[in-house]
Amino acid sequence: MKIPKSFSFLSKAKPSTFAYPPNVKPPAEKEKSKLVTAKLSTTDKTTNRPVIKPGEEEKKEEEKAGEEEKKEEEKKEEEVVPEEEPE
């Protein structure tokens, strides 16, 4: 289209109507504060529980039985041998 050089156009609209929109800035990242997590009593129990391997359980039972037998023998020895005091 050819427009004559002497042609002029006067608009009474605000320049912001035809202006480019402002650049969109990415939202500023807010510093997130760490929340304190609740520590459950079951968590403490599981973390403090000793880890038992499959073969160790039998060994512990045998050790307990052996200790009980020793205690019983010591009690019998104490009962059987009362020491007499000389007069």
Protein backbone atom coordinates (compact mmCIF):
# COMPACT_ATOMS: atom_id res chain seq x y z
CA MET A 1 0.00 0.00 0.00
CA LYS A 2 1.30 3.38 -0.88
CA ILE A 3 0.67 6.30 1.45
CA PRO A 4 1.43 9.88 0.49
CA LYS A 5 4.27 11.56 2.39
CA SER A 6 2.12 14.45 3.46
CA PHE A 7 -0.34 12.16 5.24
CA SER A 8 -0.28 12.47 9.07
CA PHE A 9 -2.35 10.81 11.77
CA LEU A 10 -3.12 12.28 15.19
CA SER A 11 -4.46 9.95 17.91
CA LYS A 12 -5.80 11.20 21.21
CA ALA A 13 -5.41 7.80 22.91
CA LYS A 14 -2.92 7.25 25.74
CA PRO A 15 0.46 6.04 24.55
CA SER A 16 0.25 3.16 27.08
CA THR A 17 -2.65 1.76 25.06
CA PHE A 18 -0.32 0.94 22.18
CA ALA A 19 2.86 0.42 24.21
CA TYR A 20 4.53 -2.94 24.68
CA PRO A 21 3.58 -4.72 27.89
CA PRO A 22 6.25 -4.67 30.63
CA ASN A 23 8.54 -7.68 30.88
CA VAL A 24 7.32 -10.35 33.25
CA LYS A 25 9.75 -10.97 36.06
CA PRO A 26 10.00 -14.47 37.51
CA PRO A 27 8.68 -14.65 41.05
CA ALA A 28 11.37 -14.09 43.66
CA GLU A 29 12.21 -17.26 45.56
CA LYS A 30 11.43 -16.99 49.21
CA GLU A 31 13.82 -18.57 51.63
CA LYS A 32 12.07 -21.60 53.01
CA SER A 33 12.60 -22.23 56.66
CA LYS A 34 12.95 -25.83 57.68
CA LEU A 35 10.15 -27.11 59.80
CA VAL A 36 10.95 -29.24 62.78
CA THR A 37 9.67 -32.73 62.13
CA ALA A 38 7.96 -34.64 64.85
CA LYS A 39 10.03 -37.48 66.27
CA LEU A 40 7.78 -40.39 67.09
CA SER A 41 8.46 -42.75 69.96
CA THR A 42 8.23 -45.72 67.58
CA THR A 43 11.06 -44.24 65.52
CA ASP A 44 13.31 -44.12 68.59
CA LYS A 45 12.46 -47.70 69.45
CA THR A 46 13.30 -48.99 65.98
CA THR A 47 16.55 -47.04 65.66
CA ASN A 48 17.80 -48.09 69.10
CA ARG A 49 16.82 -51.74 68.67
CA PRO A 50 19.83 -54.01 68.12
CA VAL A 51 19.92 -55.80 64.80
CA ILE A 52 19.63 -59.57 65.26
CA LYS A 53 21.01 -61.76 62.51
CA PRO A 54 19.36 -65.12 61.79
CA GLY A 55 22.03 -67.28 63.51
CA GLU A 56 22.49 -65.01 66.53
CA GLU A 57 19.04 -65.67 67.97
CA GLU A 58 19.82 -69.35 68.58
CA LYS A 59 23.17 -68.51 70.16
CA LYS A 60 21.53 -66.04 72.58
CA GLU A 61 19.00 -68.65 73.66
CA GLU A 62 21.79 -71.15 74.32
CA GLU A 63 23.76 -68.58 76.33
CA LYS A 64 20.70 -67.76 78.45
CA ALA A 65 20.09 -71.44 79.15
CA GLY A 66 23.76 -71.88 80.12
CA GLU A 67 23.64 -68.90 82.48
CA GLU A 68 20.48 -70.17 84.16
CA GLU A 69 22.08 -73.58 84.74
CA LYS A 70 25.13 -71.94 86.33
CA LYS A 71 22.93 -69.89 88.66
CA GLU A 72 20.99 -72.98 89.71
CA GLU A 73 24.21 -74.88 90.44
CA GLU A 74 25.55 -72.01 92.56
CA LYS A 75 22.31 -71.90 94.57
CA LYS A 76 22.48 -75.66 95.19
CA GLU A 77 26.12 -75.41 96.34
CA GLU A 78 25.24 -72.62 98.80
CA GLU A 79 22.36 -74.63 100.24
CA VAL A 80 24.31 -77.89 100.58
CA VAL A 81 27.45 -76.60 102.28
CA PRO A 82 26.57 -74.59 105.38
CA GLU A 83 29.69 -73.61 107.21
CA GLU A 84 29.72 -74.34 110.97
CA GLU A 85 31.42 -71.98 113.34
CA PRO A 86 33.76 -73.59 115.90
CA GLU A 87 32.87 -72.96 119.50
